Amino acid sequence: MSLFYQDPSTSHDEATKLLASGVDADVIAGLISIGLNEGDRIWAQNTCLKYLANGTESVAAAAVTTLGHIARRHNKLDREMVLPALERVQQQFPALEGVVADTLDDLDAFT
């Protein structure tokens, strides 16, 4: 197994292009970049919620993680929207229980 480093620092426009590609690896890279770099918290949150509802398990995992990054960076998320979405994704993908738990911890710690 070989590992490689991918710089998650991309612009808003580049992240949007990655999301639009429809390729899971690109969508995941776009989501993580949004979590680490995006200044528009509301757009970032809504983008994650979209991919929680419509993505594969790996995309949903990235969206969940990105919500945690947004909470940590911006100290705010709309809990009334995010908490039910996290519950739904955990029901849809039970394997994401740990990822969801980590994000819930971020919400509790930073928002």
N, C-alpha and C. Protein backbone atom coordinates (compact mmCIF):
# COMPACT_ATOMS: atom_id res chain seq x y z
N MET A 1 0.85 -1.17 0.00
CA MET A 1 0.00 0.00 0.00
C MET A 1 0.89 1.23 0.00
N SER A 2 0.62 2.14 -0.91
CA SER A 2 1.40 3.37 -0.94
C SER A 2 0.50 4.53 -0.55
N LEU A 3 1.05 5.45 0.20
CA LEU A 3 0.33 6.63 0.64
C LEU A 3 0.88 7.84 -0.09
N PHE A 4 0.03 8.82 -0.31
CA PHE A 4 0.51 10.06 -0.90
C PHE A 4 -0.20 11.22 -0.22
N TYR A 5 0.48 12.34 -0.19
CA TYR A 5 -0.06 13.54 0.42
C TYR A 5 -0.78 14.35 -0.65
N GLN A 6 -1.98 14.80 -0.32
CA GLN A 6 -2.73 15.66 -1.21
C GLN A 6 -3.03 16.93 -0.45
N ASP A 7 -2.61 18.07 -0.96
CA ASP A 7 -2.85 19.35 -0.33
C ASP A 7 -4.33 19.68 -0.41
N PRO A 8 -5.00 19.82 0.76
CA PRO A 8 -6.44 20.09 0.73
C PRO A 8 -6.80 21.56 0.52
N SER A 9 -5.80 22.40 0.27
CA SER A 9 -6.05 23.83 0.11
C SER A 9 -6.42 24.15 -1.33
N THR A 10 -7.72 24.31 -1.55
CA THR A 10 -8.17 24.72 -2.87
C THR A 10 -9.13 25.89 -2.69
N SER A 11 -9.29 26.64 -3.74
CA SER A 11 -10.19 27.79 -3.70
C SER A 11 -11.64 27.31 -3.73
N HIS A 12 -12.53 28.24 -3.44
CA HIS A 12 -13.96 27.96 -3.51
C HIS A 12 -14.33 27.46 -4.91
N ASP A 13 -13.83 28.14 -5.93
CA ASP A 13 -14.16 27.75 -7.31
C ASP A 13 -13.64 26.36 -7.64
N GLU A 14 -12.43 26.06 -7.22
CA GLU A 14 -11.87 24.74 -7.50
C GLU A 14 -12.64 23.66 -6.73
N ALA A 15 -13.00 23.93 -5.49
CA ALA A 15 -13.79 22.96 -4.72
C ALA A 15 -15.14 22.72 -5.41
N THR A 16 -15.75 23.77 -5.91
CA THR A 16 -17.03 23.65 -6.62
C THR A 16 -16.87 22.78 -7.87
N LYS A 17 -15.76 22.94 -8.57
CA LYS A 17 -15.50 22.10 -9.75
C LYS A 17 -15.32 20.64 -9.36
N LEU A 18 -14.61 20.41 -8.26
CA LEU A 18 -14.42 19.04 -7.80
C LEU A 18 -15.76 18.40 -7.46
N LEU A 19 -16.62 19.14 -6.78
CA LEU A 19 -17.94 18.62 -6.43
C LEU A 19 -18.75 18.31 -7.69
N ALA A 20 -18.67 19.18 -8.67
CA ALA A 20 -19.46 19.03 -9.89
C ALA A 20 -19.00 17.85 -10.75
N SER A 21 -17.79 17.37 -10.52
CA SER A 21 -17.27 16.28 -11.34
C SER A 21 -18.09 15.00 -11.19
N GLY A 22 -18.68 14.80 -10.02
CA GLY A 22 -19.44 13.59 -9.78
C GLY A 22 -18.58 12.37 -9.49
N VAL A 23 -17.27 12.52 -9.52
CA VAL A 23 -16.34 11.43 -9.22
C VAL A 23 -16.11 11.42 -7.71
N ASP A 24 -16.38 10.29 -7.07
CA ASP A 24 -16.31 10.25 -5.61
C ASP A 24 -15.01 10.81 -5.04
N ALA A 25 -13.87 10.43 -5.61
CA ALA A 25 -12.59 10.91 -5.08
C ALA A 25 -12.49 12.42 -5.17
N ASP A 26 -12.98 13.00 -6.25
CA ASP A 26 -12.96 14.45 -6.41
C ASP A 26 -13.95 15.13 -5.46
N VAL A 27 -15.13 14.55 -5.32
CA VAL A 27 -16.14 15.10 -4.41
C VAL A 27 -15.59 15.09 -2.99
N ILE A 28 -14.96 14.00 -2.59
CA ILE A 28 -14.38 13.91 -1.26
C ILE A 28 -13.31 14.98 -1.07
N ALA A 29 -12.44 15.13 -2.05
CA ALA A 29 -11.39 16.17 -1.97
C ALA A 29 -12.01 17.56 -1.87
N GLY A 30 -13.07 17.80 -2.64
CA GLY A 30 -13.75 19.09 -2.59
C GLY A 30 -14.37 19.34 -1.23
N LEU A 31 -15.03 18.32 -0.67
CA LEU A 31 -15.64 18.48 0.65
C LEU A 31 -14.61 18.77 1.73
N ILE A 32 -13.54 18.01 1.75
CA ILE A 32 -12.51 18.22 2.77
C ILE A 32 -11.91 19.62 2.63
N SER A 33 -11.67 20.04 1.41
CA SER A 33 -11.15 21.39 1.19
C SER A 33 -12.12 22.44 1.72
N ILE A 34 -13.40 22.23 1.50
CA ILE A 34 -14.41 23.16 2.00
C ILE A 34 -14.33 23.24 3.53
N GLY A 35 -14.22 22.10 4.16
CA GLY A 35 -14.14 22.08 5.62
C GLY A 35 -12.93 22.80 6.17
N LEU A 36 -11.84 22.74 5.45
CA LEU A 36 -10.59 23.34 5.93
C LEU A 36 -10.35 24.77 5.47
N ASN A 37 -11.07 25.21 4.42
CA ASN A 37 -10.74 26.50 3.81
C ASN A 37 -11.90 27.46 3.58
N GLU A 38 -13.10 26.97 3.43
CA GLU A 38 -14.21 27.81 3.00
C GLU A 38 -14.58 28.85 4.05
N GLY A 39 -14.72 30.09 3.60
CA GLY A 39 -15.10 31.18 4.48
C GLY A 39 -16.60 31.33 4.66
N ASP A 40 -17.38 30.84 3.71
CA ASP A 40 -18.84 30.97 3.77
C ASP A 40 -19.41 29.76 4.51
N ARG A 41 -19.60 29.91 5.81
CA ARG A 41 -20.04 28.81 6.65
C ARG A 41 -21.39 28.24 6.21
N ILE A 42 -22.33 29.08 5.88
CA ILE A 42 -23.66 28.60 5.52
C ILE A 42 -23.61 27.78 4.23
N TRP A 43 -22.90 28.29 3.22
CA TRP A 43 -22.77 27.54 1.97
C TRP A 43 -22.09 26.21 2.24
N ALA A 44 -21.03 26.22 3.04
CA ALA A 44 -20.29 24.99 3.35
C ALA A 44 -21.20 23.98 4.04
N GLN A 45 -21.94 24.45 5.05
CA GLN A 45 -22.85 23.56 5.77
C GLN A 45 -23.90 22.98 4.84
N ASN A 46 -24.52 23.81 4.03
CA ASN A 46 -25.57 23.33 3.13
C ASN A 46 -25.03 22.37 2.08
N THR A 47 -23.81 22.60 1.64
CA THR A 47 -23.18 21.69 0.69
C THR A 47 -22.99 20.32 1.34
N CYS A 48 -22.51 20.31 2.57
CA CYS A 48 -22.33 19.04 3.28
C CYS A 48 -23.66 18.32 3.45
N LEU A 49 -24.69 19.04 3.82
CA LEU A 49 -26.00 18.42 4.01
C LEU A 49 -26.51 17.79 2.72
N LYS A 50 -26.23 18.45 1.61
CA LYS A 50 -26.62 17.90 0.31
C LYS A 50 -25.93 16.55 0.06
N TYR A 51 -24.64 16.49 0.36
CA TYR A 51 -23.90 15.25 0.10
C TYR A 51 -24.16 14.18 1.15
N LEU A 52 -24.64 14.56 2.32
CA LEU A 52 -25.07 13.56 3.30
C LEU A 52 -26.28 12.82 2.76
N ALA A 53 -27.17 13.55 2.14
CA ALA A 53 -28.43 12.97 1.67
C ALA A 53 -28.29 12.23 0.35
N ASN A 54 -27.31 12.58 -0.47
CA ASN A 54 -27.26 12.05 -1.83
C ASN A 54 -25.98 11.33 -2.20
N GLY A 55 -25.11 11.09 -1.25
CA GLY A 55 -23.81 10.53 -1.59
C GLY A 55 -23.67 9.05 -1.27
N THR A 56 -22.58 8.51 -1.72
CA THR A 56 -22.20 7.14 -1.36
C THR A 56 -21.71 7.18 0.09
N GLU A 57 -21.41 6.03 0.64
CA GLU A 57 -20.93 5.97 2.02
C GLU A 57 -19.64 6.77 2.20
N SER A 58 -18.71 6.65 1.26
CA SER A 58 -17.44 7.37 1.39
C SER A 58 -17.64 8.88 1.27
N VAL A 59 -18.53 9.31 0.39
CA VAL A 59 -18.84 10.74 0.26
C VAL A 59 -19.55 11.23 1.52
N ALA A 60 -20.49 10.43 2.02
CA ALA A 60 -21.19 10.82 3.25
C ALA A 60 -20.20 10.94 4.41
N ALA A 61 -19.24 10.03 4.50
CA ALA A 61 -18.23 10.10 5.56
C ALA A 61 -17.44 11.40 5.47
N ALA A 62 -17.07 11.79 4.26
CA ALA A 62 -16.35 13.05 4.07
C ALA A 62 -17.21 14.24 4.45
N ALA A 63 -18.49 14.20 4.10
CA ALA A 63 -19.40 15.30 4.45
C ALA A 63 -19.56 15.41 5.96
N VAL A 64 -19.66 14.28 6.65
CA VAL A 64 -19.76 14.28 8.11
C VAL A 64 -18.51 14.89 8.72
N THR A 65 -17.35 14.45 8.26
CA THR A 65 -16.08 14.98 8.76
C THR A 65 -15.97 16.47 8.49
N THR A 66 -16.41 16.88 7.32
CA THR A 66 -16.35 18.30 6.95
C THR A 66 -17.22 19.14 7.86
N LEU A 67 -18.37 18.63 8.26
CA LEU A 67 -19.20 19.37 9.22
C LEU A 67 -18.45 19.59 10.53
N GLY A 68 -17.69 18.61 10.95
CA GLY A 68 -16.86 18.79 12.15
C GLY A 68 -15.81 19.86 11.96
N HIS A 69 -15.19 19.89 10.79
CA HIS A 69 -14.20 20.94 10.49
C HIS A 69 -14.85 22.32 10.51
N ILE A 70 -16.04 22.41 9.94
CA ILE A 70 -16.74 23.70 9.90
C ILE A 70 -17.06 24.16 11.33
N ALA A 71 -17.53 23.25 12.15
CA ALA A 71 -17.83 23.59 13.55
C ALA A 71 -16.57 24.09 14.26
N ARG A 72 -15.47 23.42 14.03
CA ARG A 72 -14.21 23.79 14.68
C ARG A 72 -13.70 25.14 14.19
N ARG A 73 -13.80 25.38 12.90
CA ARG A 73 -13.25 26.62 12.33
C ARG A 73 -14.14 27.83 12.55
N HIS A 74 -15.46 27.62 12.49
CA HIS A 74 -16.39 28.76 12.53
C HIS A 74 -17.12 28.90 13.87
N ASN A 75 -16.98 27.91 14.74
CA ASN A 75 -17.65 27.90 16.04
C ASN A 75 -19.16 28.03 15.94
N LYS A 76 -19.72 27.57 14.84
CA LYS A 76 -21.16 27.66 14.66
C LYS A 76 -21.60 26.71 13.56
N LEU A 77 -22.73 26.04 13.81
CA LEU A 77 -23.45 25.25 12.82
C LEU A 77 -24.92 25.32 13.21
N ASP A 78 -25.79 25.12 12.25
CA ASP A 78 -27.22 25.11 12.52
C ASP A 78 -27.58 23.72 13.04
N ARG A 79 -27.58 23.57 14.35
CA ARG A 79 -27.83 22.27 14.97
C ARG A 79 -29.19 21.69 14.57
N GLU A 80 -30.20 22.54 14.40
CA GLU A 80 -31.53 22.05 14.05
C GLU A 80 -31.55 21.37 12.69
N MET A 81 -30.64 21.75 11.81
CA MET A 81 -30.54 21.10 10.50
C MET A 81 -29.53 19.94 10.54
N VAL A 82 -28.42 20.16 11.22
CA VAL A 82 -27.32 19.21 11.17
C VAL A 82 -27.59 17.94 11.98
N LEU A 83 -28.11 18.07 13.19
CA LEU A 83 -28.30 16.89 14.04
C LEU A 83 -29.23 15.85 13.42
N PRO A 84 -30.39 16.23 12.90
CA PRO A 84 -31.23 15.21 12.25
C PRO A 84 -30.57 14.59 11.01
N ALA A 85 -29.80 15.39 10.28
CA ALA A 85 -29.11 14.86 9.09
C ALA A 85 -28.05 13.84 9.50
N LEU A 86 -27.34 14.11 10.59
CA LEU A 86 -26.35 13.15 11.08
C LEU A 86 -27.02 11.86 11.54
N GLU A 87 -28.16 11.99 12.18
CA GLU A 87 -28.90 10.80 12.61
C GLU A 87 -29.34 9.97 11.40
N ARG A 88 -29.83 10.64 10.37
CA ARG A 88 -30.27 9.92 9.16
C ARG A 88 -29.11 9.21 8.48
N VAL A 89 -27.97 9.89 8.37
CA VAL A 89 -26.83 9.27 7.68
C VAL A 89 -26.31 8.08 8.48
N GLN A 90 -26.36 8.16 9.80
CA GLN A 90 -25.92 7.03 10.61
C GLN A 90 -26.86 5.84 10.45
N GLN A 91 -28.15 6.11 10.29
CA GLN A 91 -29.10 5.03 10.03
C GLN A 91 -28.88 4.41 8.65
N GLN A 92 -28.58 5.27 7.67
CA GLN A 92 -28.36 4.78 6.31
C GLN A 92 -27.05 4.01 6.19
N PHE A 93 -26.02 4.51 6.89
CA PHE A 93 -24.69 3.89 6.83
C PHE A 93 -24.21 3.60 8.25
N PRO A 94 -24.62 2.50 8.85
CA PRO A 94 -24.23 2.21 10.24
C PRO A 94 -22.72 2.18 10.47
N ALA A 95 -21.95 1.88 9.45
CA ALA A 95 -20.50 1.85 9.60
C ALA A 95 -19.91 3.22 9.91
N LEU A 96 -20.69 4.28 9.71
CA LEU A 96 -20.21 5.64 9.96
C LEU A 96 -20.44 6.09 11.40
N GLU A 97 -20.84 5.18 12.27
CA GLU A 97 -21.14 5.54 13.66
C GLU A 97 -19.99 6.29 14.32
N GLY A 98 -18.76 5.83 14.15
CA GLY A 98 -17.60 6.49 14.76
C GLY A 98 -17.34 7.87 14.18
N VAL A 99 -17.50 8.01 12.88
CA VAL A 99 -17.29 9.31 12.22
C VAL A 99 -18.34 10.30 12.70
N VAL A 100 -19.58 9.84 12.80
CA VAL A 100 -20.65 10.70 13.29
C VAL A 100 -20.38 11.09 14.74
N ALA A 101 -19.95 10.13 15.56
CA ALA A 101 -19.66 10.43 16.97
C ALA A 101 -18.56 11.49 17.09
N ASP A 102 -17.52 11.39 16.24
CA ASP A 102 -16.45 12.39 16.27
C ASP A 102 -16.98 13.77 15.92
N THR A 103 -17.85 13.85 14.92
CA THR A 103 -18.42 15.13 14.52
C THR A 103 -19.34 15.69 15.60
N LEU A 104 -20.10 14.82 16.24
CA LEU A 104 -20.94 15.28 17.36
C LEU A 104 -20.08 15.84 18.49
N ASP A 105 -18.93 15.20 18.74
CA ASP A 105 -17.99 15.73 19.74
C ASP A 105 -17.49 17.12 19.34
N ASP A 106 -17.19 17.30 18.06
CA ASP A 106 -16.76 18.62 17.57
C ASP A 106 -17.86 19.66 17.76
N LEU A 107 -19.09 19.28 17.46
CA LEU A 107 -20.21 20.20 17.66
C LEU A 107 -20.32 20.60 19.13
N ASP A 108 -20.20 19.61 20.01
CA ASP A 108 -20.31 19.92 21.44
C ASP A 108 -19.15 20.79 21.92
N ALA A 109 -17.99 20.54 21.41
CA ALA A 109 -16.80 21.27 21.87
C ALA A 109 -16.69 22.67 21.30
N PHE A 110 -17.15 22.87 20.07
CA PHE A 110 -16.85 24.14 19.39
C PHE A 110 -18.06 25.01 19.07
N THR A 111 -19.27 24.49 19.25
CA THR A 111 -20.44 25.34 18.93
C THR A 111 -21.30 25.56 20.16
